[in-house]
Amino acid sequence: AQEMHTNFRAERKSDIEMYESKLKDTVHDEL
């Protein structure tokens, strides 16, 4: 999350796919 945070863009499909597969719907994401 810290690594992605520095350069995460909603327009980049690869960023969205990584977020959805690794971080979305996790405990900290829900908080």
PDB file of all heavy atoms in Angstrom:
ATOM      1  N   ALA A   1       0.836  -1.205   0.000  1.00  0.00           N
ATOM      2  CA  ALA A   1       0.000   0.000   0.000  1.00  0.00           C
ATOM      3  C   ALA A   1       0.868   1.252   0.000  1.00  0.00           C
ATOM      4  O   ALA A   1       0.606   2.204  -0.751  1.00  0.00           O
ATOM      5  CB  ALA A   1      -0.925  -0.013   1.208  1.00  0.00           C
ATOM      6  N   GLN A   2       1.906   1.254   0.822  1.00  0.00           N
ATOM      7  CA  GLN A   2       2.814   2.405   0.867  1.00  0.00           C
ATOM      8  C   GLN A   2       3.497   2.608  -0.476  1.00  0.00           C
ATOM      9  O   GLN A   2       3.638   3.743  -0.953  1.00  0.00           O
ATOM     10  CB  GLN A   2       3.875   2.177   1.957  1.00  0.00           C
ATOM     11  CG  GLN A   2       3.339   2.107   3.365  1.00  0.00           C
ATOM     12  CD  GLN A   2       3.205   3.474   4.018  1.00  0.00           C
ATOM     13  OE1 GLN A   2       3.329   4.512   3.363  1.00  0.00           O
ATOM     14  NE2 GLN A   2       2.950   3.483   5.313  1.00  0.00           N
ATOM     15  N   GLU A   3       3.906   1.510  -1.102  1.00  0.00           N
ATOM     16  CA  GLU A   3       4.581   1.595  -2.394  1.00  0.00           C
ATOM     17  C   GLU A   3       3.634   2.114  -3.472  1.00  0.00           C
ATOM     18  O   GLU A   3       3.999   2.991  -4.266  1.00  0.00           O
ATOM     19  CB  GLU A   3       5.110   0.211  -2.774  1.00  0.00           C
ATOM     20  CG  GLU A   3       5.861   0.178  -4.095  1.00  0.00           C
ATOM     21  CD  GLU A   3       6.340  -1.220  -4.441  1.00  0.00           C
ATOM     22  OE1 GLU A   3       6.393  -2.079  -3.543  1.00  0.00           O
ATOM     23  OE2 GLU A   3       6.655  -1.453  -5.638  1.00  0.00           O
ATOM     24  N   MET A   4       2.412   1.586  -3.507  1.00  0.00           N
ATOM     25  CA  MET A   4       1.439   2.015  -4.512  1.00  0.00           C
ATOM     26  C   MET A   4       1.006   3.460  -4.295  1.00  0.00           C
ATOM     27  O   MET A   4       0.712   4.189  -5.249  1.00  0.00           O
ATOM     28  CB  MET A   4       0.214   1.097  -4.480  1.00  0.00           C
ATOM     29  CG  MET A   4       0.461  -0.301  -4.989  1.00  0.00           C
ATOM     30  SD  MET A   4      -1.083  -1.246  -5.084  1.00  0.00           S
ATOM     31  CE  MET A   4      -1.949  -0.359  -6.391  1.00  0.00           C
ATOM     32  N   HIS A   5       0.980   3.870  -3.055  1.00  0.00           N
ATOM     33  CA  HIS A   5       0.488   5.196  -2.686  1.00  0.00           C
ATOM     34  C   HIS A   5       1.267   6.318  -3.360  1.00  0.00           C
ATOM     35  O   HIS A   5       0.719   7.383  -3.659  1.00  0.00           O
ATOM     36  CB  HIS A   5       0.552   5.336  -1.156  1.00  0.00           C
ATOM     37  CG  HIS A   5       0.131   6.668  -0.651  1.00  0.00           C
ATOM     38  ND1 HIS A   5       1.025   7.568  -0.102  1.00  0.00           N
ATOM     39  CD2 HIS A   5      -1.079   7.276  -0.596  1.00  0.00           C
ATOM     40  CE1 HIS A   5       0.377   8.656   0.270  1.00  0.00           C
ATOM     41  NE2 HIS A   5      -0.889   8.509  -0.019  1.00  0.00           N
ATOM     42  N   THR A   6       2.524   6.080  -3.631  1.00  0.00           N
ATOM     43  CA  THR A   6       3.376   7.142  -4.175  1.00  0.00           C
ATOM     44  C   THR A   6       3.054   7.475  -5.628  1.00  0.00           C
ATOM     45  O   THR A   6       3.333   8.585  -6.084  1.00  0.00           O
ATOM     46  CB  THR A   6       4.869   6.743  -4.079  1.00  0.00           C
ATOM     47  OG1 THR A   6       5.084   5.527  -4.832  1.00  0.00           O
ATOM     48  CG2 THR A   6       5.276   6.518  -2.631  1.00  0.00           C
ATOM     49  N   ASN A   7       2.454   6.527  -6.353  1.00  0.00           N
ATOM     50  CA  ASN A   7       2.252   6.774  -7.785  1.00  0.00           C
ATOM     51  C   ASN A   7       1.001   6.074  -8.324  1.00  0.00           C
ATOM     52  O   ASN A   7       0.973   5.651  -9.478  1.00  0.00           O
ATOM     53  CB  ASN A   7       3.489   6.292  -8.567  1.00  0.00           C
ATOM     54  CG  ASN A   7       3.556   6.876  -9.962  1.00  0.00           C
ATOM     55  OD1 ASN A   7       3.112   8.003 -10.193  1.00  0.00           O
ATOM     56  ND2 ASN A   7       4.090   6.109 -10.908  1.00  0.00           N
ATOM     57  N   PHE A   8      -0.023   5.960  -7.504  1.00  0.00           N
ATOM     58  CA  PHE A   8      -1.240   5.254  -7.907  1.00  0.00           C
ATOM     59  C   PHE A   8      -2.140   6.173  -8.720  1.00  0.00           C
ATOM     60  O   PHE A   8      -2.425   7.286  -8.306  1.00  0.00           O
ATOM     61  CB  PHE A   8      -1.978   4.759  -6.661  1.00  0.00           C
ATOM     62  CG  PHE A   8      -3.227   3.975  -6.954  1.00  0.00           C
ATOM     63  CD1 PHE A   8      -3.164   2.709  -7.501  1.00  0.00           C
ATOM     64  CD2 PHE A   8      -4.482   4.503  -6.671  1.00  0.00           C
ATOM     65  CE1 PHE A   8      -4.317   1.977  -7.762  1.00  0.00           C
ATOM     66  CE2 PHE A   8      -5.639   3.784  -6.923  1.00  0.00           C
ATOM     67  CZ  PHE A   8      -5.554   2.517  -7.474  1.00  0.00           C
ATOM     68  N   ARG A   9      -2.613   5.685  -9.895  1.00  0.00           N
ATOM     69  CA  ARG A   9      -3.472   6.491 -10.746  1.00  0.00           C
ATOM     70  C   ARG A   9      -4.671   5.670 -11.193  1.00  0.00           C
ATOM     71  O   ARG A   9      -4.519   4.556 -11.700  1.00  0.00           O
ATOM     72  CB  ARG A   9      -2.705   6.989 -11.979  1.00  0.00           C
ATOM     73  CG  ARG A   9      -1.589   7.970 -11.666  1.00  0.00           C
ATOM     74  CD  ARG A   9      -2.125   9.288 -11.109  1.00  0.00           C
ATOM     75  NE  ARG A   9      -1.049  10.231 -10.826  1.00  0.00           N
ATOM     76  CZ  ARG A   9      -0.412  10.302  -9.670  1.00  0.00           C
ATOM     77  NH1 ARG A   9      -0.735   9.472  -8.684  1.00  0.00           N
ATOM     78  NH2 ARG A   9       0.545  11.182  -9.483  1.00  0.00           N
ATOM     79  N   ALA A  10      -5.855   6.250 -11.052  1.00  0.00           N
ATOM     80  CA  ALA A  10      -7.080   5.553 -11.439  1.00  0.00           C
ATOM     81  C   ALA A  10      -7.142   5.300 -12.934  1.00  0.00           C
ATOM     82  O   ALA A  10      -7.848   4.399 -13.383  1.00  0.00           O
ATOM     83  CB  ALA A  10      -8.300   6.369 -10.992  1.00  0.00           C
ATOM     84  N   GLU A  11      -6.402   6.100 -13.719  1.00  0.00           N
ATOM     85  CA  GLU A  11      -6.433   5.946 -15.169  1.00  0.00           C
ATOM     86  C   GLU A  11      -5.604   4.762 -15.654  1.00  0.00           C
ATOM     87  O   GLU A  11      -5.762   4.335 -16.806  1.00  0.00           O
ATOM     88  CB  GLU A  11      -5.925   7.226 -15.854  1.00  0.00           C
ATOM     89  CG  GLU A  11      -6.799   8.447 -15.648  1.00  0.00           C
ATOM     90  CD  GLU A  11      -6.590   9.118 -14.298  1.00  0.00           C
ATOM     91  OE1 GLU A  11      -5.621   8.742 -13.585  1.00  0.00           O
ATOM     92  OE2 GLU A  11      -7.391  10.005 -13.936  1.00  0.00           O
ATOM     93  N   ARG A  12      -4.733   4.234 -14.801  1.00  0.00           N
ATOM     94  CA  ARG A  12      -3.880   3.129 -15.219  1.00  0.00           C
ATOM     95  C   ARG A  12      -4.520   1.793 -14.871  1.00  0.00           C
ATOM     96  O   ARG A  12      -4.717   1.482 -13.701  1.00  0.00           O
ATOM     97  CB  ARG A  12      -2.496   3.232 -14.567  1.00  0.00           C
ATOM     98  CG  ARG A  12      -1.559   4.184 -15.260  1.00  0.00           C
ATOM     99  CD  ARG A  12      -0.107   3.899 -14.903  1.00  0.00           C
ATOM    100  NE  ARG A  12       0.162   4.183 -13.515  1.00  0.00           N
ATOM    101  CZ  ARG A  12       0.709   5.324 -13.069  1.00  0.00           C
ATOM    102  NH1 ARG A  12       1.018   6.277 -13.914  1.00  0.00           N
ATOM    103  NH2 ARG A  12       0.931   5.506 -11.783  1.00  0.00           N
ATOM    104  N   LYS A  13      -4.808   1.012 -15.887  1.00  0.00           N
ATOM    105  CA  LYS A  13      -5.472  -0.271 -15.692  1.00  0.00           C
ATOM    106  C   LYS A  13      -4.642  -1.188 -14.803  1.00  0.00           C
ATOM    107  O   LYS A  13      -5.180  -1.905 -13.953  1.00  0.00           O
ATOM    108  CB  LYS A  13      -5.717  -0.938 -17.042  1.00  0.00           C
ATOM    109  CG  LYS A  13      -6.489  -2.244 -16.941  1.00  0.00           C
ATOM    110  CD  LYS A  13      -6.751  -2.839 -18.313  1.00  0.00           C
ATOM    111  CE  LYS A  13      -7.500  -4.165 -18.195  1.00  0.00           C
ATOM    112  NZ  LYS A  13      -7.730  -4.773 -19.538  1.00  0.00           N
ATOM    113  N   SER A  14      -3.331  -1.172 -14.972  1.00  0.00           N
ATOM    114  CA  SER A  14      -2.464  -2.048 -14.174  1.00  0.00           C
ATOM    115  C   SER A  14      -2.534  -1.689 -12.692  1.00  0.00           C
ATOM    116  O   SER A  14      -2.500  -2.576 -11.825  1.00  0.00           O
ATOM    117  CB  SER A  14      -1.021  -1.968 -14.667  1.00  0.00           C
ATOM    118  OG  SER A  14      -0.536  -0.631 -14.592  1.00  0.00           O
ATOM    119  N   ASP A  15      -2.650  -0.389 -12.384  1.00  0.00           N
ATOM    120  CA  ASP A  15      -2.779   0.046 -10.991  1.00  0.00           C
ATOM    121  C   ASP A  15      -4.096  -0.455 -10.390  1.00  0.00           C
ATOM    122  O   ASP A  15      -4.119  -0.946  -9.258  1.00  0.00           O
ATOM    123  CB  ASP A  15      -2.725   1.573 -10.894  1.00  0.00           C
ATOM    124  CG  ASP A  15      -1.318   2.113 -11.086  1.00  0.00           C
ATOM    125  OD1 ASP A  15      -0.410   1.322 -11.383  1.00  0.00           O
ATOM    126  OD2 ASP A  15      -1.139   3.342 -10.957  1.00  0.00           O
ATOM    127  N   ILE A  16      -5.154  -0.327 -11.162  1.00  0.00           N
ATOM    128  CA  ILE A  16      -6.471  -0.767 -10.683  1.00  0.00           C
ATOM    129  C   ILE A  16      -6.470  -2.273 -10.446  1.00  0.00           C
ATOM    130  O   ILE A  16      -6.967  -2.757  -9.421  1.00  0.00           O
ATOM    131  CB  ILE A  16      -7.569  -0.375 -11.689  1.00  0.00           C
ATOM    132  CG1 ILE A  16      -7.671   1.151 -11.812  1.00  0.00           C
ATOM    133  CG2 ILE A  16      -8.912  -0.966 -11.269  1.00  0.00           C
ATOM    134  CD1 ILE A  16      -7.971   1.863 -10.522  1.00  0.00           C
ATOM    135  N   GLU A  17      -5.907  -3.022 -11.379  1.00  0.00           N
ATOM    136  CA  GLU A  17      -5.871  -4.482 -11.234  1.00  0.00           C
ATOM    137  C   GLU A  17      -5.063  -4.893 -10.021  1.00  0.00           C
ATOM    138  O   GLU A  17      -5.449  -5.820  -9.289  1.00  0.00           O
ATOM    139  CB  GLU A  17      -5.297  -5.105 -12.502  1.00  0.00           C
ATOM    140  CG  GLU A  17      -6.231  -4.996 -13.705  1.00  0.00           C
ATOM    141  CD  GLU A  17      -5.596  -5.499 -14.989  1.00  0.00           C
ATOM    142  OE1 GLU A  17      -4.351  -5.671 -15.004  1.00  0.00           O
ATOM    143  OE2 GLU A  17      -6.333  -5.713 -15.971  1.00  0.00           O
ATOM    144  N   MET A  18      -3.952  -4.233  -9.773  1.00  0.00           N
ATOM    145  CA  MET A  18      -3.132  -4.542  -8.602  1.00  0.00           C
ATOM    146  C   MET A  18      -3.883  -4.217  -7.315  1.00  0.00           C
ATOM    147  O   MET A  18      -3.891  -5.006  -6.370  1.00  0.00           O
ATOM    148  CB  MET A  18      -1.822  -3.752  -8.663  1.00  0.00           C
ATOM    149  CG  MET A  18      -0.925  -3.945  -7.438  1.00  0.00           C
ATOM    150  SD  MET A  18      -0.255  -5.617  -7.302  1.00  0.00           S
ATOM    151  CE  MET A  18       1.000  -5.563  -8.594  1.00  0.00           C
ATOM    152  N   TYR A  19      -4.517  -3.063  -7.296  1.00  0.00           N
ATOM    153  CA  TYR A  19      -5.276  -2.661  -6.107  1.00  0.00           C
ATOM    154  C   TYR A  19      -6.397  -3.656  -5.816  1.00  0.00           C
ATOM    155  O   TYR A  19      -6.580  -4.088  -4.669  1.00  0.00           O
ATOM    156  CB  TYR A  19      -5.851  -1.261  -6.308  1.00  0.00           C
ATOM    157  CG  TYR A  19      -6.645  -0.756  -5.140  1.00  0.00           C
ATOM    158  CD1 TYR A  19      -6.018  -0.119  -4.071  1.00  0.00           C
ATOM    159  CD2 TYR A  19      -8.033  -0.930  -5.080  1.00  0.00           C
ATOM    160  CE1 TYR A  19      -6.750   0.344  -2.988  1.00  0.00           C
ATOM    161  CE2 TYR A  19      -8.756  -0.479  -4.002  1.00  0.00           C
ATOM    162  CZ  TYR A  19      -8.115   0.156  -2.962  1.00  0.00           C
ATOM    163  OH  TYR A  19      -8.846   0.588  -1.877  1.00  0.00           O
ATOM    164  N   GLU A  20      -7.138  -4.028  -6.847  1.00  0.00           N
ATOM    165  CA  GLU A  20      -8.271  -4.931  -6.652  1.00  0.00           C
ATOM    166  C   GLU A  20      -7.835  -6.322  -6.223  1.00  0.00           C
ATOM    167  O   GLU A  20      -8.544  -6.991  -5.464  1.00  0.00           O
ATOM    168  CB  GLU A  20      -9.096  -5.008  -7.944  1.00  0.00           C
ATOM    169  CG  GLU A  20      -9.853  -3.721  -8.242  1.00  0.00           C
ATOM    170  CD  GLU A  20     -10.664  -3.780  -9.515  1.00  0.00           C
ATOM    171  OE1 GLU A  20     -10.356  -4.629 -10.386  1.00  0.00           O
ATOM    172  OE2 GLU A  20     -11.606  -2.970  -9.655  1.00  0.00           O
ATOM    173  N   SER A  21      -6.702  -6.761  -6.684  1.00  0.00           N
ATOM    174  CA  SER A  21      -6.251  -8.115  -6.357  1.00  0.00           C
ATOM    175  C   SER A  21      -5.515  -8.203  -5.026  1.00  0.00           C
ATOM    176  O   SER A  21      -5.513  -9.258  -4.387  1.00  0.00           O
ATOM    177  CB  SER A  21      -5.347  -8.655  -7.473  1.00  0.00           C
ATOM    178  OG  SER A  21      -4.161  -7.890  -7.575  1.00  0.00           O
ATOM    179  N   LYS A  22      -4.916  -7.100  -4.585  1.00  0.00           N
ATOM    180  CA  LYS A  22      -4.051  -7.158  -3.402  1.00  0.00           C
ATOM    181  C   LYS A  22      -4.554  -6.367  -2.189  1.00  0.00           C
ATOM    182  O   LYS A  22      -4.246  -6.731  -1.047  1.00  0.00           O
ATOM    183  CB  LYS A  22      -2.651  -6.651  -3.759  1.00  0.00           C
ATOM    184  CG  LYS A  22      -1.960  -7.437  -4.857  1.00  0.00           C
ATOM    185  CD  LYS A  22      -1.654  -8.856  -4.428  1.00  0.00           C
ATOM    186  CE  LYS A  22      -0.856  -9.593  -5.500  1.00  0.00           C
ATOM    187  NZ  LYS A  22      -0.568 -11.003  -5.106  1.00  0.00           N
ATOM    188  N   LEU A  23      -5.311  -5.295  -2.411  1.00  0.00           N
ATOM    189  CA  LEU A  23      -5.644  -4.402  -1.296  1.00  0.00           C
ATOM    190  C   LEU A  23      -7.140  -4.207  -1.071  1.00  0.00           C
ATOM    191  O   LEU A  23      -7.574  -4.003   0.069  1.00  0.00           O
ATOM    192  CB  LEU A  23      -4.992  -3.032  -1.502  1.00  0.00           C
ATOM    193  CG  LEU A  23      -3.459  -2.999  -1.545  1.00  0.00           C
ATOM    194  CD1 LEU A  23      -2.975  -1.594  -1.860  1.00  0.00           C
ATOM    195  CD2 LEU A  23      -2.860  -3.499  -0.238  1.00  0.00           C
ATOM    196  N   LYS A  24      -7.922  -4.268  -2.135  1.00  0.00           N
ATOM    197  CA  LYS A  24      -9.352  -4.004  -2.007  1.00  0.00           C
ATOM    198  C   LYS A  24     -10.019  -5.048  -1.108  1.00  0.00           C
ATOM    199  O   LYS A  24      -9.701  -6.235  -1.163  1.00  0.00           O
ATOM    200  CB  LYS A  24     -10.025  -4.000  -3.375  1.00  0.00           C
ATOM    201  CG  LYS A  24     -11.482  -3.540  -3.356  1.00  0.00           C
ATOM    202  CD  LYS A  24     -12.024  -3.440  -4.776  1.00  0.00           C
ATOM    203  CE  LYS A  24     -13.456  -2.930  -4.775  1.00  0.00           C
ATOM    204  NZ  LYS A  24     -14.399  -3.873  -4.141  1.00  0.00           N
ATOM    205  N   ASP A  25     -10.943  -4.584  -0.267  1.00  0.00           N
ATOM    206  CA  ASP A  25     -11.737  -5.441   0.629  1.00  0.00           C
ATOM    207  C   ASP A  25     -10.917  -6.085   1.737  1.00  0.00           C
ATOM    208  O   ASP A  25     -11.349  -7.055   2.351  1.00  0.00           O
ATOM    209  CB  ASP A  25     -12.477  -6.536  -0.162  1.00  0.00           C
ATOM    210  CG  ASP A  25     -13.414  -5.961  -1.210  1.00  0.00           C
ATOM    211  OD1 ASP A  25     -13.951  -4.862  -0.975  1.00  0.00           O
ATOM    212  OD2 ASP A  25     -13.602  -6.600  -2.256  1.00  0.00           O
ATOM    213  N   THR A  26      -9.739  -5.541   1.999  1.00  0.00           N
ATOM    214  CA  THR A  26      -8.961  -5.980   3.157  1.00  0.00           C
ATOM    215  C   THR A  26      -9.398  -5.184   4.394  1.00  0.00           C
ATOM    216  O   THR A  26     -10.146  -4.208   4.281  1.00  0.00           O
ATOM    217  CB  THR A  26      -7.455  -5.781   2.919  1.00  0.00           C
ATOM    218  OG1 THR A  26      -7.192  -4.385   2.709  1.00  0.00           O
ATOM    219  CG2 THR A  26      -6.982  -6.570   1.703  1.00  0.00           C
ATOM    220  N   VAL A  27      -8.929  -5.591   5.539  1.00  0.00           N
ATOM    221  CA  VAL A  27      -9.330  -4.930   6.787  1.00  0.00           C
ATOM    222  C   VAL A  27      -9.030  -3.434   6.740  1.00  0.00           C
ATOM    223  O   VAL A  27      -9.893  -2.595   7.031  1.00  0.00           O
ATOM    224  CB  VAL A  27      -8.631  -5.571   8.001  1.00  0.00           C
ATOM    225  CG1 VAL A  27      -8.951  -4.792   9.283  1.00  0.00           C
ATOM    226  CG2 VAL A  27      -9.039  -7.035   8.155  1.00  0.00           C
ATOM    227  N   HIS A  28      -7.814  -3.088   6.367  1.00  0.00           N
ATOM    228  CA  HIS A  28      -7.424  -1.684   6.388  1.00  0.00           C
ATOM    229  C   HIS A  28      -8.139  -0.885   5.303  1.00  0.00           C
ATOM    230  O   HIS A  28      -8.444   0.297   5.485  1.00  0.00           O
ATOM    231  CB  HIS A  28      -5.905  -1.560   6.241  1.00  0.00           C
ATOM    232  CG  HIS A  28      -5.169  -2.112   7.420  1.00  0.00           C
ATOM    233  ND1 HIS A  28      -3.789  -2.199   7.492  1.00  0.00           N
ATOM    234  CD2 HIS A  28      -5.628  -2.616   8.604  1.00  0.00           C
ATOM    235  CE1 HIS A  28      -3.432  -2.727   8.649  1.00  0.00           C
ATOM    236  NE2 HIS A  28      -4.528  -2.989   9.333  1.00  0.00           N
ATOM    237  N   ASP A  29      -8.422  -1.518   4.186  1.00  0.00           N
ATOM    238  CA  ASP A  29      -9.205  -0.876   3.129  1.00  0.00           C
ATOM    239  C   ASP A  29     -10.612  -0.568   3.617  1.00  0.00           C
ATOM    240  O   ASP A  29     -11.161   0.506   3.336  1.00  0.00           O
ATOM    241  CB  ASP A  29      -9.253  -1.808   1.915  1.00  0.00           C
ATOM    242  CG  ASP A  29     -10.067  -1.252   0.761  1.00  0.00           C
ATOM    243  OD1 ASP A  29      -9.707  -0.180   0.241  1.00  0.00           O
ATOM    244  OD2 ASP A  29     -11.057  -1.896   0.368  1.00  0.00           O
ATOM    245  N   GLU A  30     -11.198  -1.475   4.369  1.00  0.00           N
ATOM    246  CA  GLU A  30     -12.561  -1.263   4.884  1.00  0.00           C
ATOM    247  C   GLU A  30     -12.579  -0.182   5.957  1.00  0.00           C
ATOM    248  O   GLU A  30     -13.539   0.590   6.055  1.00  0.00           O
ATOM    249  CB  GLU A  30     -13.139  -2.568   5.426  1.00  0.00           C
ATOM    250  CG  GLU A  30     -13.294  -3.677   4.400  1.00  0.00           C
ATOM    251  CD  GLU A  30     -14.295  -3.356   3.297  1.00  0.00           C
ATOM    252  OE1 GLU A  30     -14.961  -2.309   3.354  1.00  0.00           O
ATOM    253  OE2 GLU A  30     -14.412  -4.173   2.366  1.00  0.00           O
ATOM    254  N   LEU A  31     -11.536  -0.106   6.782  1.00  0.00           N
ATOM    255  CA  LEU A  31     -11.469   0.978   7.764  1.00  0.00           C
ATOM    256  C   LEU A  31     -11.404   2.330   7.052  1.00  0.00           C
ATOM    257  O   LEU A  31     -12.035   3.302   7.489  1.00  0.00           O
ATOM    258  CB  LEU A  31     -10.246   0.803   8.672  1.00  0.00           C
ATOM    259  CG  LEU A  31     -10.301  -0.354   9.680  1.00  0.00           C
ATOM    260  CD1 LEU A  31      -8.989  -0.431  10.456  1.00  0.00           C
ATOM    261  CD2 LEU A  31     -11.473  -0.200  10.649  1.00  0.00           C
TER     262      LEU A  31
END
